[in-house]
Amino acid sequence: MDLTLNKIKQLADLSKLKFNEDELNELYDQIKKIVDFKYIVKLSSLDLDDAPICINPIPIENFMRDDTVLNEFKLEDALLNAPERIEEYFVVPRIVE
């Protein structure tokens, strides 16, 4: 892998991280050691063109339950502690302009 200091700067910019030159050089050295580690080099030399895509090595199944109404609030009960309301609606501060 061709790792350059410019790529580290670009990665920092994309990550919205700010580093001074000394920190960038230290980060570059650390990442370079990780990338040049013998197992990483070995992995990058493997031919994985025919390997199936594996999102998660452990099969995961979502266990869904039926939506059932457990407790039904009356409108007045739901609005009972509302700091402010207009008819049957909560009044909330506007956050989008």
PDB file of N, CA and C in Angstrom:
ATOM      1  N   MET A   1       0.841  -1.180   0.000  1.00  0.00           N
ATOM      2  CA  MET A   1       0.000   0.000   0.000  1.00  0.00           C
ATOM      3  C   MET A   1       0.878   1.233   0.000  1.00  0.00           C
ATOM      4  N   ASP A   2       0.572   2.156  -0.878  1.00  0.00           N
ATOM      5  CA  ASP A   2       1.331   3.398  -0.945  1.00  0.00           C
ATOM      6  C   ASP A   2       0.736   4.404   0.024  1.00  0.00           C
ATOM      7  N   LEU A   3       1.353   4.502   1.156  1.00  0.00           N
ATOM      8  CA  LEU A   3       0.878   5.417   2.184  1.00  0.00           C
ATOM      9  C   LEU A   3       1.783   6.636   2.181  1.00  0.00           C
ATOM     10  N   THR A   4       1.197   7.800   2.021  1.00  0.00           N
ATOM     11  CA  THR A   4       1.971   9.033   2.014  1.00  0.00           C
ATOM     12  C   THR A   4       1.438   9.961   3.094  1.00  0.00           C
ATOM     13  N   LEU A   5       2.233  10.952   3.405  1.00  0.00           N
ATOM     14  CA  LEU A   5       1.815  11.942   4.391  1.00  0.00           C
ATOM     15  C   LEU A   5       0.603  12.717   3.887  1.00  0.00           C
ATOM     16  N   ASN A   6       0.535  12.917   2.574  1.00  0.00           N
ATOM     17  CA  ASN A   6      -0.633  13.611   2.012  1.00  0.00           C
ATOM     18  C   ASN A   6      -1.913  12.806   2.219  1.00  0.00           C
ATOM     19  N   LYS A   7      -1.830  11.483   2.122  1.00  0.00           N
ATOM     20  CA  LYS A   7      -3.010  10.652   2.368  1.00  0.00           C
ATOM     21  C   LYS A   7      -3.444  10.734   3.829  1.00  0.00           C
ATOM     22  N   ILE A   8      -2.480  10.829   4.729  1.00  0.00           N
ATOM     23  CA  ILE A   8      -2.803  10.975   6.148  1.00  0.00           C
ATOM     24  C   ILE A   8      -3.488  12.322   6.382  1.00  0.00           C
ATOM     25  N   LYS A   9      -2.989  13.374   5.734  1.00  0.00           N
ATOM     26  CA  LYS A   9      -3.618  14.694   5.854  1.00  0.00           C
ATOM     27  C   LYS A   9      -5.037  14.666   5.303  1.00  0.00           C
ATOM     28  N   GLN A  10      -5.211  13.992   4.159  1.00  0.00           N
ATOM     29  CA  GLN A  10      -6.537  13.897   3.561  1.00  0.00           C
ATOM     30  C   GLN A  10      -7.489  13.126   4.476  1.00  0.00           C
ATOM     31  N   LEU A  11      -7.010  12.044   5.045  1.00  0.00           N
ATOM     32  CA  LEU A  11      -7.823  11.262   5.973  1.00  0.00           C
ATOM     33  C   LEU A  11      -8.201  12.092   7.206  1.00  0.00           C
ATOM     34  N   ALA A  12      -7.265  12.871   7.699  1.00  0.00           N
ATOM     35  CA  ALA A  12      -7.550  13.737   8.852  1.00  0.00           C
ATOM     36  C   ALA A  12      -8.599  14.790   8.484  1.00  0.00           C
ATOM     37  N   ASP A  13      -8.473  15.364   7.284  1.00  0.00           N
ATOM     38  CA  ASP A  13      -9.468  16.348   6.840  1.00  0.00           C
ATOM     39  C   ASP A  13     -10.851  15.720   6.720  1.00  0.00           C
ATOM     40  N   LEU A  14     -10.919  14.531   6.127  1.00  0.00           N
ATOM     41  CA  LEU A  14     -12.204  13.848   5.983  1.00  0.00           C
ATOM     42  C   LEU A  14     -12.805  13.507   7.340  1.00  0.00           C
ATOM     43  N   SER A  15     -11.951  13.238   8.300  1.00  0.00           N
ATOM     44  CA  SER A  15     -12.408  12.887   9.647  1.00  0.00           C
ATOM     45  C   SER A  15     -12.650  14.114  10.512  1.00  0.00           C
ATOM     46  N   LYS A  16     -12.404  15.290   9.936  1.00  0.00           N
ATOM     47  CA  LYS A  16     -12.575  16.563  10.668  1.00  0.00           C
ATOM     48  C   LYS A  16     -11.674  16.621  11.898  1.00  0.00           C
ATOM     49  N   LEU A  17     -10.452  16.071  11.752  1.00  0.00           N
ATOM     50  CA  LEU A  17      -9.478  16.100  12.838  1.00  0.00           C
ATOM     51  C   LEU A  17      -8.367  17.084  12.483  1.00  0.00           C
ATOM     52  N   LYS A  18      -7.900  17.798  13.455  1.00  0.00           N
ATOM     53  CA  LYS A  18      -6.840  18.775  13.233  1.00  0.00           C
ATOM     54  C   LYS A  18      -5.579  18.308  13.952  1.00  0.00           C
ATOM     55  N   PHE A  19      -4.478  18.267  13.187  1.00  0.00           N
ATOM     56  CA  PHE A  19      -3.186  17.861  13.727  1.00  0.00           C
ATOM     57  C   PHE A  19      -2.140  18.882  13.319  1.00  0.00           C
ATOM     58  N   ASN A  20      -1.160  19.107  14.184  1.00  0.00           N
ATOM     59  CA  ASN A  20      -0.022  19.917  13.766  1.00  0.00           C
ATOM     60  C   ASN A  20       0.950  19.000  13.029  1.00  0.00           C
ATOM     61  N   GLU A  21       2.025  19.562  12.497  1.00  0.00           N
ATOM     62  CA  GLU A  21       2.956  18.774  11.677  1.00  0.00           C
ATOM     63  C   GLU A  21       3.594  17.629  12.460  1.00  0.00           C
ATOM     64  N   ASP A  22       3.964  17.873  13.710  1.00  0.00           N
ATOM     65  CA  ASP A  22       4.579  16.812  14.519  1.00  0.00           C
ATOM     66  C   ASP A  22       3.604  15.659  14.748  1.00  0.00           C
ATOM     67  N   GLU A  23       2.349  16.007  15.050  1.00  0.00           N
ATOM     68  CA  GLU A  23       1.336  14.970  15.271  1.00  0.00           C
ATOM     69  C   GLU A  23       1.067  14.194  13.983  1.00  0.00           C
ATOM     70  N   LEU A  24       1.046  14.901  12.848  1.00  0.00           N
ATOM     71  CA  LEU A  24       0.834  14.218  11.567  1.00  0.00           C
ATOM     72  C   LEU A  24       1.967  13.241  11.264  1.00  0.00           C
ATOM     73  N   ASN A  25       3.184  13.668  11.519  1.00  0.00           N
ATOM     74  CA  ASN A  25       4.331  12.781  11.278  1.00  0.00           C
ATOM     75  C   ASN A  25       4.287  11.562  12.190  1.00  0.00           C
ATOM     76  N   GLU A  26       3.921  11.779  13.455  1.00  0.00           N
ATOM     77  CA  GLU A  26       3.816  10.658  14.393  1.00  0.00           C
ATOM     78  C   GLU A  26       2.704   9.697  13.965  1.00  0.00           C
ATOM     79  N   LEU A  27       1.568  10.268  13.558  1.00  0.00           N
ATOM     80  CA  LEU A  27       0.452   9.452  13.087  1.00  0.00           C
ATOM     81  C   LEU A  27       0.842   8.672  11.837  1.00  0.00           C
ATOM     82  N   TYR A  28       1.542   9.318  10.937  1.00  0.00           N
ATOM     83  CA  TYR A  28       2.025   8.650   9.721  1.00  0.00           C
ATOM     84  C   TYR A  28       2.916   7.462  10.080  1.00  0.00           C
ATOM     85  N   ASP A  29       3.844   7.664  11.006  1.00  0.00           N
ATOM     86  CA  ASP A  29       4.744   6.577  11.415  1.00  0.00           C
ATOM     87  C   ASP A  29       3.971   5.413  12.023  1.00  0.00           C
ATOM     88  N   GLN A  30       2.986   5.732  12.856  1.00  0.00           N
ATOM     89  CA  GLN A  30       2.198   4.678  13.503  1.00  0.00           C
ATOM     90  C   GLN A  30       1.371   3.895  12.485  1.00  0.00           C
ATOM     91  N   ILE A  31       0.706   4.597  11.585  1.00  0.00           N
ATOM     92  CA  ILE A  31      -0.119   3.911  10.581  1.00  0.00           C
ATOM     93  C   ILE A  31       0.759   3.124   9.627  1.00  0.00           C
ATOM     94  N   LYS A  32       1.918   3.663   9.290  1.00  0.00           N
ATOM     95  CA  LYS A  32       2.860   2.967   8.397  1.00  0.00           C
ATOM     96  C   LYS A  32       3.292   1.637   9.019  1.00  0.00           C
ATOM     97  N   LYS A  33       3.543   1.637  10.331  1.00  0.00           N
ATOM     98  CA  LYS A  33       3.926   0.398  11.014  1.00  0.00           C
ATOM     99  C   LYS A  33       2.798  -0.632  10.940  1.00  0.00           C
ATOM    100  N   ILE A  34       1.558  -0.167  11.093  1.00  0.00           N
ATOM    101  CA  ILE A  34       0.415  -1.082  11.040  1.00  0.00           C
ATOM    102  C   ILE A  34       0.260  -1.652   9.641  1.00  0.00           C
ATOM    103  N   VAL A  35       0.333  -0.789   8.638  1.00  0.00           N
ATOM    104  CA  VAL A  35       0.123  -1.228   7.255  1.00  0.00           C
ATOM    105  C   VAL A  35       1.260  -2.137   6.789  1.00  0.00           C
ATOM    106  N   ASP A  36       2.471  -1.857   7.225  1.00  0.00           N
ATOM    107  CA  ASP A  36       3.615  -2.656   6.793  1.00  0.00           C
ATOM    108  C   ASP A  36       3.792  -3.929   7.615  1.00  0.00           C
ATOM    109  N   PHE A  37       2.942  -4.140   8.610  1.00  0.00           N
ATOM    110  CA  PHE A  37       3.027  -5.336   9.440  1.00  0.00           C
ATOM    111  C   PHE A  37       2.897  -6.560   8.549  1.00  0.00           C
ATOM    112  N   LYS A  38       3.654  -7.603   8.816  1.00  0.00           N
ATOM    113  CA  LYS A  38       3.758  -8.732   7.890  1.00  0.00           C
ATOM    114  C   LYS A  38       2.419  -9.379   7.557  1.00  0.00           C
ATOM    115  N   TYR A  39       1.470  -9.383   8.484  1.00  0.00           N
ATOM    116  CA  TYR A  39       0.185 -10.006   8.198  1.00  0.00           C
ATOM    117  C   TYR A  39      -0.650  -9.154   7.245  1.00  0.00           C
ATOM    118  N   ILE A  40      -0.535  -7.852   7.378  1.00  0.00           N
ATOM    119  CA  ILE A  40      -1.255  -6.957   6.472  1.00  0.00           C
ATOM    120  C   ILE A  40      -0.703  -7.114   5.061  1.00  0.00           C
ATOM    121  N   VAL A  41       0.607  -7.185   4.940  1.00  0.00           N
ATOM    122  CA  VAL A  41       1.230  -7.377   3.627  1.00  0.00           C
ATOM    123  C   VAL A  41       0.811  -8.725   3.057  1.00  0.00           C
ATOM    124  N   LYS A  42       0.768  -9.738   3.889  1.00  0.00           N
ATOM    125  CA  LYS A  42       0.360 -11.072   3.447  1.00  0.00           C
ATOM    126  C   LYS A  42      -1.094 -11.062   2.984  1.00  0.00           C
ATOM    127  N   LEU A  43      -1.965 -10.396   3.733  1.00  0.00           N
ATOM    128  CA  LEU A  43      -3.376 -10.315   3.348  1.00  0.00           C
ATOM    129  C   LEU A  43      -3.554  -9.577   2.025  1.00  0.00           C
ATOM    130  N   SER A  44      -2.786  -8.525   1.826  1.00  0.00           N
ATOM    131  CA  SER A  44      -2.941  -7.757   0.595  1.00  0.00           C
ATOM    132  C   SER A  44      -2.442  -8.525  -0.624  1.00  0.00           C
ATOM    133  N   SER A  45      -1.640  -9.559  -0.422  1.00  0.00           N
ATOM    134  CA  SER A  45      -1.144 -10.342  -1.553  1.00  0.00           C
ATOM    135  C   SER A  45      -2.089 -11.494  -1.926  1.00  0.00           C
ATOM    136  N   LEU A  46      -3.120 -11.742  -1.133  1.00  0.00           N
ATOM    137  CA  LEU A  46      -4.055 -12.832  -1.422  1.00  0.00           C
ATOM    138  C   LEU A  46      -4.967 -12.488  -2.590  1.00  0.00           C
ATOM    139  N   ASP A  47      -5.308 -13.493  -3.376  1.00  0.00           N
ATOM    140  CA  ASP A  47      -6.243 -13.314  -4.477  1.00  0.00           C
ATOM    141  C   ASP A  47      -7.654 -13.590  -3.948  1.00  0.00           C
ATOM    142  N   LEU A  48      -8.427 -12.539  -3.805  1.00  0.00           N
ATOM    143  CA  LEU A  48      -9.763 -12.661  -3.233  1.00  0.00           C
ATOM    144  C   LEU A  48     -10.859 -12.383  -4.251  1.00  0.00           C
ATOM    145  N   ASP A  49     -10.519 -12.455  -5.533  1.00  0.00           N
ATOM    146  CA  ASP A  49     -11.504 -12.144  -6.572  1.00  0.00           C
ATOM    147  C   ASP A  49     -12.697 -13.089  -6.534  1.00  0.00           C
ATOM    148  N   ASP A  50     -12.481 -14.357  -6.235  1.00  0.00           N
ATOM    149  CA  ASP A  50     -13.572 -15.336  -6.227  1.00  0.00           C
ATOM    150  C   ASP A  50     -14.144 -15.579  -4.830  1.00  0.00           C
ATOM    151  N   ALA A  51     -13.673 -14.848  -3.846  1.00  0.00           N
ATOM    152  CA  ALA A  51     -14.156 -15.048  -2.483  1.00  0.00           C
ATOM    153  C   ALA A  51     -15.548 -14.427  -2.344  1.00  0.00           C
ATOM    154  N   PRO A  52     -16.467 -15.138  -1.692  1.00  0.00           N
ATOM    155  CA  PRO A  52     -17.810 -14.571  -1.524  1.00  0.00           C
ATOM    156  C   PRO A  52     -17.790 -13.390  -0.551  1.00  0.00           C
ATOM    157  N   ILE A  53     -18.694 -12.474  -0.779  1.00  0.00           N
ATOM    158  CA  ILE A  53     -18.807 -11.316   0.104  1.00  0.00           C
ATOM    159  C   ILE A  53     -19.402 -11.787   1.427  1.00  0.00           C
ATOM    160  N   CYS A  54     -18.768 -11.401   2.504  1.00  0.00           N
ATOM    161  CA  CYS A  54     -19.211 -11.824   3.828  1.00  0.00           C
ATOM    162  C   CYS A  54     -19.377 -10.591   4.696  1.00  0.00           C
ATOM    163  N   ILE A  55     -20.608 -10.204   4.938  1.00  0.00           N
ATOM    164  CA  ILE A  55     -20.867  -9.030   5.760  1.00  0.00           C
ATOM    165  C   ILE A  55     -20.642  -9.356   7.228  1.00  0.00           C
ATOM    166  N   ASN A  56     -21.105 -10.503   7.647  1.00  0.00           N
ATOM    167  CA  ASN A  56     -20.935 -10.921   9.032  1.00  0.00           C
ATOM    168  C   ASN A  56     -20.659 -12.415   9.040  1.00  0.00           C
ATOM    169  N   PRO A  57     -19.577 -12.851   9.660  1.00  0.00           N
ATOM    170  CA  PRO A  57     -19.242 -14.274   9.639  1.00  0.00           C
ATOM    171  C   PRO A  57     -20.202 -15.138  10.455  1.00  0.00           C
ATOM    172  N   ILE A  58     -20.950 -14.521  11.334  1.00  0.00           N
ATOM    173  CA  ILE A  58     -21.899 -15.260  12.160  1.00  0.00           C
ATOM    174  C   ILE A  58     -23.305 -14.957  11.653  1.00  0.00           C
ATOM    175  N   PRO A  59     -24.071 -15.987  11.296  1.00  0.00           N
ATOM    176  CA  PRO A  59     -25.423 -15.706  10.811  1.00  0.00           C
ATOM    177  C   PRO A  59     -26.269 -15.013  11.884  1.00  0.00           C
ATOM    178  N   ILE A  60     -26.912 -13.950  11.479  1.00  0.00           N
ATOM    179  CA  ILE A  60     -27.742 -13.190  12.407  1.00  0.00           C
ATOM    180  C   ILE A  60     -29.171 -13.192  11.899  1.00  0.00           C
ATOM    181  N   GLU A  61     -30.081 -13.411  12.803  1.00  0.00           N
ATOM    182  CA  GLU A  61     -31.490 -13.402  12.441  1.00  0.00           C
ATOM    183  C   GLU A  61     -32.214 -12.456  13.390  1.00  0.00           C
ATOM    184  N   ASN A  62     -33.018 -11.569  12.819  1.00  0.00           N
ATOM    185  CA  ASN A  62     -33.807 -10.675  13.653  1.00  0.00           C
ATOM    186  C   ASN A  62     -35.049 -11.409  14.140  1.00  0.00           C
ATOM    187  N   PHE A  63     -35.264 -11.335  15.413  1.00  0.00           N
ATOM    188  CA  PHE A  63     -36.451 -11.946  15.983  1.00  0.00           C
ATOM    189  C   PHE A  63     -37.475 -10.843  16.186  1.00  0.00           C
ATOM    190  N   MET A  64     -38.448 -10.820  15.325  1.00  0.00           N
ATOM    191  CA  MET A  64     -39.457  -9.770  15.359  1.00  0.00           C
ATOM    192  C   MET A  64     -40.712 -10.295  16.048  1.00  0.00           C
ATOM    193  N   ARG A  65     -41.372  -9.402  16.716  1.00  0.00           N
ATOM    194  CA  ARG A  65     -42.634  -9.765  17.336  1.00  0.00           C
ATOM    195  C   ARG A  65     -43.734  -8.937  16.679  1.00  0.00           C
ATOM    196  N   ASP A  66     -44.939  -9.387  16.791  1.00  0.00           N
ATOM    197  CA  ASP A  66     -46.061  -8.652  16.244  1.00  0.00           C
ATOM    198  C   ASP A  66     -46.257  -7.356  17.035  1.00  0.00           C
ATOM    199  N   ASP A  67     -46.617  -6.298  16.325  1.00  0.00           N
ATOM    200  CA  ASP A  67     -46.955  -5.047  16.993  1.00  0.00           C
ATOM    201  C   ASP A  67     -48.333  -5.193  17.615  1.00  0.00           C
ATOM    202  N   THR A  68     -48.371  -5.068  18.902  1.00  0.00           N
ATOM    203  CA  THR A  68     -49.659  -5.122  19.589  1.00  0.00           C
ATOM    204  C   THR A  68     -49.759  -3.925  20.510  1.00  0.00           C
ATOM    205  N   VAL A  69     -50.944  -3.388  20.633  1.00  0.00           N
ATOM    206  CA  VAL A  69     -51.186  -2.253  21.510  1.00  0.00           C
ATOM    207  C   VAL A  69     -51.279  -2.781  22.934  1.00  0.00           C
ATOM    208  N   LEU A  70     -50.393  -2.305  23.798  1.00  0.00           N
ATOM    209  CA  LEU A  70     -50.395  -2.767  25.175  1.00  0.00           C
ATOM    210  C   LEU A  70     -51.191  -1.817  26.067  1.00  0.00           C
ATOM    211  N   ASN A  71     -50.841  -0.556  25.997  1.00  0.00           N
ATOM    212  CA  ASN A  71     -51.549   0.451  26.791  1.00  0.00           C
ATOM    213  C   ASN A  71     -51.993   1.550  25.843  1.00  0.00           C
ATOM    214  N   GLU A  72     -53.250   1.860  25.883  1.00  0.00           N
ATOM    215  CA  GLU A  72     -53.753   2.910  25.016  1.00  0.00           C
ATOM    216  C   GLU A  72     -54.073   4.121  25.877  1.00  0.00           C
ATOM    217  N   PHE A  73     -53.456   5.261  25.516  1.00  0.00           N
ATOM    218  CA  PHE A  73     -53.690   6.494  26.258  1.00  0.00           C
ATOM    219  C   PHE A  73     -54.889   7.223  25.674  1.00  0.00           C
ATOM    220  N   LYS A  74     -55.636   7.816  26.546  1.00  0.00           N
ATOM    221  CA  LYS A  74     -56.660   8.738  26.093  1.00  0.00           C
ATOM    222  C   LYS A  74     -55.962  10.043  25.769  1.00  0.00           C
ATOM    223  N   LEU A  75     -56.494  10.801  24.852  1.00  0.00           N
ATOM    224  CA  LEU A  75     -55.866  12.044  24.411  1.00  0.00           C
ATOM    225  C   LEU A  75     -55.610  12.986  25.582  1.00  0.00           C
ATOM    226  N   GLU A  76     -56.535  13.153  26.439  1.00  0.00           N
ATOM    227  CA  GLU A  76     -56.364  14.056  27.579  1.00  0.00           C
ATOM    228  C   GLU A  76     -55.269  13.572  28.527  1.00  0.00           C
ATOM    229  N   ASP A  77     -55.176  12.277  28.723  1.00  0.00           N
ATOM    230  CA  ASP A  77     -54.123  11.737  29.591  1.00  0.00           C
ATOM    231  C   ASP A  77     -52.744  11.957  28.982  1.00  0.00           C
ATOM    232  N   ALA A  78     -52.641  11.794  27.659  1.00  0.00           N
ATOM    233  CA  ALA A  78     -51.363  11.969  26.978  1.00  0.00           C
ATOM    234  C   ALA A  78     -50.907  13.423  27.035  1.00  0.00           C
ATOM    235  N   LEU A  79     -51.827  14.354  26.960  1.00  0.00           N
ATOM    236  CA  LEU A  79     -51.490  15.777  26.957  1.00  0.00           C
ATOM    237  C   LEU A  79     -51.533  16.410  28.342  1.00  0.00           C
ATOM    238  N   LEU A  80     -51.776  15.627  29.344  1.00  0.00           N
ATOM    239  CA  LEU A  80     -51.966  16.136  30.694  1.00  0.00           C
ATOM    240  C   LEU A  80     -50.780  16.977  31.186  1.00  0.00           C
ATOM    241  N   ASN A  81     -49.566  16.519  30.985  1.00  0.00           N
ATOM    242  CA  ASN A  81     -48.380  17.222  31.484  1.00  0.00           C
ATOM    243  C   ASN A  81     -47.663  18.023  30.398  1.00  0.00           C
ATOM    244  N   ALA A  82     -48.292  18.243  29.274  1.00  0.00           N
ATOM    245  CA  ALA A  82     -47.670  19.028  28.209  1.00  0.00           C
ATOM    246  C   ALA A  82     -47.482  20.461  28.689  1.00  0.00           C
ATOM    247  N   PRO A  83     -46.269  21.022  28.561  1.00  0.00           N
ATOM    248  CA  PRO A  83     -46.063  22.387  29.006  1.00  0.00           C
ATOM    249  C   PRO A  83     -46.903  23.384  28.201  1.00  0.00           C
ATOM    250  N   GLU A  84     -47.103  23.071  26.935  1.00  0.00           N
ATOM    251  CA  GLU A  84     -47.918  23.937  26.097  1.00  0.00           C
ATOM    252  C   GLU A  84     -48.574  23.085  25.028  1.00  0.00           C
ATOM    253  N   ARG A  85     -49.821  23.423  24.711  1.00  0.00           N
ATOM    254  CA  ARG A  85     -50.515  22.656  23.696  1.00  0.00           C
ATOM    255  C   ARG A  85     -51.524  23.548  22.993  1.00  0.00           C
ATOM    256  N   ILE A  86     -51.829  23.154  21.773  1.00  0.00           N
ATOM    257  CA  ILE A  86     -52.882  23.807  21.008  1.00  0.00           C
ATOM    258  C   ILE A  86     -53.853  22.710  20.607  1.00  0.00           C
ATOM    259  N   GLU A  87     -55.042  22.806  21.108  1.00  0.00           N
ATOM    260  CA  GLU A  87     -56.080  21.802  20.908  1.00  0.00           C
ATOM    261  C   GLU A  87     -55.548  20.428  21.292  1.00  0.00           C
ATOM    262  N   GLU A  88     -55.343  19.533  20.329  1.00  0.00           N
ATOM    263  CA  GLU A  88     -54.900  18.171  20.659  1.00  0.00           C
ATOM    264  C   GLU A  88     -53.453  17.904  20.262  1.00  0.00           C
ATOM    265  N   TYR A  89     -52.633  18.980  20.182  1.00  0.00           N
ATOM    266  CA  TYR A  89     -51.249  18.834  19.745  1.00  0.00           C
ATOM    267  C   TYR A  89     -50.288  19.412  20.780  1.00  0.00           C
ATOM    268  N   PHE A  90     -49.109  18.783  20.898  1.00  0.00           N
ATOM    269  CA  PHE A  90     -48.031  19.345  21.698  1.00  0.00           C
ATOM    270  C   PHE A  90     -47.458  20.537  20.950  1.00  0.00           C
ATOM    271  N   VAL A  91     -47.080  21.579  21.656  1.00  0.00           N
ATOM    272  CA  VAL A  91     -46.356  22.710  21.058  1.00  0.00           C
ATOM    273  C   VAL A  91     -44.897  22.532  21.449  1.00  0.00           C
ATOM    274  N   VAL A  92     -44.025  22.482  20.438  1.00  0.00           N
ATOM    275  CA  VAL A  92     -42.591  22.318  20.685  1.00  0.00           C
ATOM    276  C   VAL A  92     -41.854  23.484  20.045  1.00  0.00           C
ATOM    277  N   PRO A  93     -40.662  23.807  20.543  1.00  0.00           N
ATOM    278  CA  PRO A  93     -39.890  24.901  19.949  1.00  0.00           C
ATOM    279  C   PRO A  93     -39.502  24.562  18.510  1.00  0.00           C
ATOM    280  N   ARG A  94     -39.529  25.567  17.672  1.00  0.00           N
ATOM    281  CA  ARG A  94     -39.145  25.379  16.273  1.00  0.00           C
ATOM    282  C   ARG A  94     -37.639  25.215  16.200  1.00  0.00           C
ATOM    283  N   ILE A  95     -37.172  24.177  15.498  1.00  0.00           N
ATOM    284  CA  ILE A  95     -35.735  23.960  15.387  1.00  0.00           C
ATOM    285  C   ILE A  95     -35.255  24.070  13.942  1.00  0.00           C
ATOM    286  N   VAL A  96     -36.157  24.102  12.989  1.00  0.00           N
ATOM    287  CA  VAL A  96     -35.780  24.209  11.586  1.00  0.00           C
ATOM    288  C   VAL A  96     -36.258  25.554  11.070  1.00  0.00           C
ATOM    289  N   GLU A  97     -35.361  26.255  10.411  1.00  0.00           N
ATOM    290  CA  GLU A  97     -35.758  27.553   9.858  1.00  0.00           C
ATOM    291  C   GLU A  97     -35.986  27.455   8.375  1.00  0.00           C
TER     292      GLU A  97
END
